[in-house]
Amino acid sequence: QPTVIVVSTSAGQVAKSWKRWLEDVTMEAVQQHKQERMYDEDEDDDGEWEPEVIHLVDDIGHIFAQSKRSEAEFPEYAMSLRKAISLARYVQEPLAELTYMWAQGVGA
């Protein structure tokens, strides 16, 4: 179960539409999850599942996707997947992702 869903802002108005659509779909999934938990007494889930849908400027992901580090870590992955990996890392630890990129240089 995701805790965060990231929507890139690079698509402009389309990104806003995607975010609204994902929020609606996510709300439906959360409601379904709550209903299923009511009938499942063996569930070990401690908390409520309510993922957040956020907009994120994808510059960091774009830079990473074109870097030597990206090619070394994920040689078999497409550029778009490398970008997604970087954005996921950035959401989890923004300072760590930025620092690593700064330390290695853009081309590293």
Protein backbone atom coordinates (compact mmCIF):
# COMPACT_ATOMS: atom_id res chain seq x y z
CA GLN A 1 0.00 0.00 0.00
CA PRO A 2 1.53 3.32 -1.00
CA THR A 3 1.69 6.13 1.52
CA VAL A 4 2.44 8.80 -1.08
CA ILE A 5 1.52 9.08 -4.76
CA VAL A 6 3.60 11.58 -6.71
CA VAL A 7 2.33 13.46 -9.76
CA SER A 8 4.93 15.31 -11.80
CA THR A 9 4.18 18.95 -12.55
CA SER A 10 5.87 18.83 -15.97
CA ALA A 11 2.56 18.18 -17.75
CA GLY A 12 1.04 21.49 -16.62
CA GLN A 13 -2.78 21.50 -16.54
CA VAL A 14 -2.88 17.78 -17.31
CA ALA A 15 -0.95 17.16 -14.10
CA LYS A 16 -3.64 19.00 -12.12
CA SER A 17 -6.32 16.82 -13.70
CA TRP A 18 -4.32 13.67 -12.98
CA LYS A 19 -3.87 14.72 -9.36
CA ARG A 20 -7.61 15.30 -8.89
CA TRP A 21 -8.39 11.96 -10.56
CA LEU A 22 -5.84 10.12 -8.40
CA GLU A 23 -7.24 11.76 -5.26
CA ASP A 24 -10.72 10.50 -6.19
CA VAL A 25 -9.49 6.99 -6.95
CA THR A 26 -7.43 6.97 -3.76
CA MET A 27 -10.44 8.04 -1.69
CA GLU A 28 -12.46 5.19 -3.15
CA ALA A 29 -9.65 2.72 -2.39
CA VAL A 30 -9.40 3.99 1.21
CA GLN A 31 -13.15 3.57 1.69
CA GLN A 32 -13.00 0.04 0.29
CA HIS A 33 -10.03 -0.74 2.55
CA LYS A 34 -11.96 0.49 5.60
CA GLN A 35 -14.97 -1.65 4.70
CA GLU A 36 -12.81 -4.74 4.22
CA ARG A 37 -11.09 -4.16 7.57
CA MET A 38 -14.49 -4.06 9.32
CA TYR A 39 -15.17 -7.64 8.20
CA ASP A 40 -11.66 -9.04 8.62
CA GLU A 41 -11.11 -9.76 12.31
CA ASP A 42 -7.71 -11.38 11.67
CA GLU A 43 -6.28 -8.16 10.21
CA ASP A 44 -2.99 -7.11 11.84
CA ASP A 45 -3.19 -3.57 10.45
CA ASP A 46 -2.42 -1.10 13.27
CA GLY A 47 -3.40 2.13 11.60
CA GLU A 48 -5.51 3.73 8.99
CA TRP A 49 -4.34 3.73 5.39
CA GLU A 50 -4.68 7.18 3.85
CA PRO A 51 -2.12 7.84 1.13
CA GLU A 52 -1.36 11.40 0.11
CA VAL A 53 -1.34 12.57 -3.53
CA ILE A 54 1.22 15.32 -4.09
CA HIS A 55 2.59 17.42 -6.93
CA LEU A 56 6.36 17.41 -7.30
CA VAL A 57 8.58 19.34 -9.69
CA ASP A 58 10.50 16.64 -11.52
CA ASP A 59 13.77 18.49 -12.15
CA ILE A 60 15.64 16.28 -9.68
CA GLY A 61 14.32 13.13 -11.34
CA HIS A 62 15.19 14.43 -14.79
CA ILE A 63 18.77 15.24 -13.76
CA PHE A 64 19.21 11.84 -12.10
CA ALA A 65 17.72 9.95 -15.05
CA GLN A 66 20.40 11.42 -17.34
CA SER A 67 23.31 10.92 -14.94
CA LYS A 68 26.12 8.36 -14.96
CA ARG A 69 24.96 7.29 -11.49
CA SER A 70 21.55 6.40 -12.93
CA GLU A 71 23.13 4.39 -15.73
CA ALA A 72 25.39 2.57 -13.27
CA GLU A 73 22.61 1.73 -10.79
CA PHE A 74 19.86 0.90 -13.29
CA PRO A 75 21.39 0.11 -16.70
CA GLU A 76 18.41 -1.97 -17.84
CA TYR A 77 15.72 0.58 -16.86
CA ALA A 78 14.10 3.11 -19.17
CA MET A 79 14.67 6.82 -18.60
CA SER A 80 11.13 7.32 -17.24
CA LEU A 81 11.59 4.58 -14.63
CA ARG A 82 14.92 6.07 -13.53
CA LYS A 83 13.16 9.41 -13.12
CA ALA A 84 10.44 7.78 -11.00
CA ILE A 85 13.05 6.12 -8.78
CA SER A 86 14.75 9.45 -8.15
CA LEU A 87 11.45 11.15 -7.33
CA ALA A 88 10.58 8.36 -4.88
CA ARG A 89 13.96 8.76 -3.20
CA TYR A 90 13.48 12.52 -3.12
CA VAL A 91 10.07 12.22 -1.45
CA GLN A 92 11.52 9.89 1.20
CA GLU A 93 14.76 11.81 1.88
CA PRO A 94 14.96 15.12 -0.02
CA LEU A 95 18.20 16.30 1.55
CA ALA A 96 19.92 12.97 0.98
CA GLU A 97 19.01 12.88 -2.72
CA LEU A 98 20.05 16.49 -3.28
CA THR A 99 23.29 16.07 -1.35
CA TYR A 100 24.29 12.96 -3.25
CA MET A 101 23.63 14.67 -6.55
CA TRP A 102 25.58 17.74 -5.47
CA ALA A 103 28.52 15.68 -4.20
CA GLN A 104 28.72 13.59 -7.36
CA GLY A 105 28.08 16.44 -9.77
CA VAL A 106 25.37 16.53 -12.40
CA GLY A 107 27.31 14.39 -14.84
CA ALA A 108 28.34 11.80 -12.26
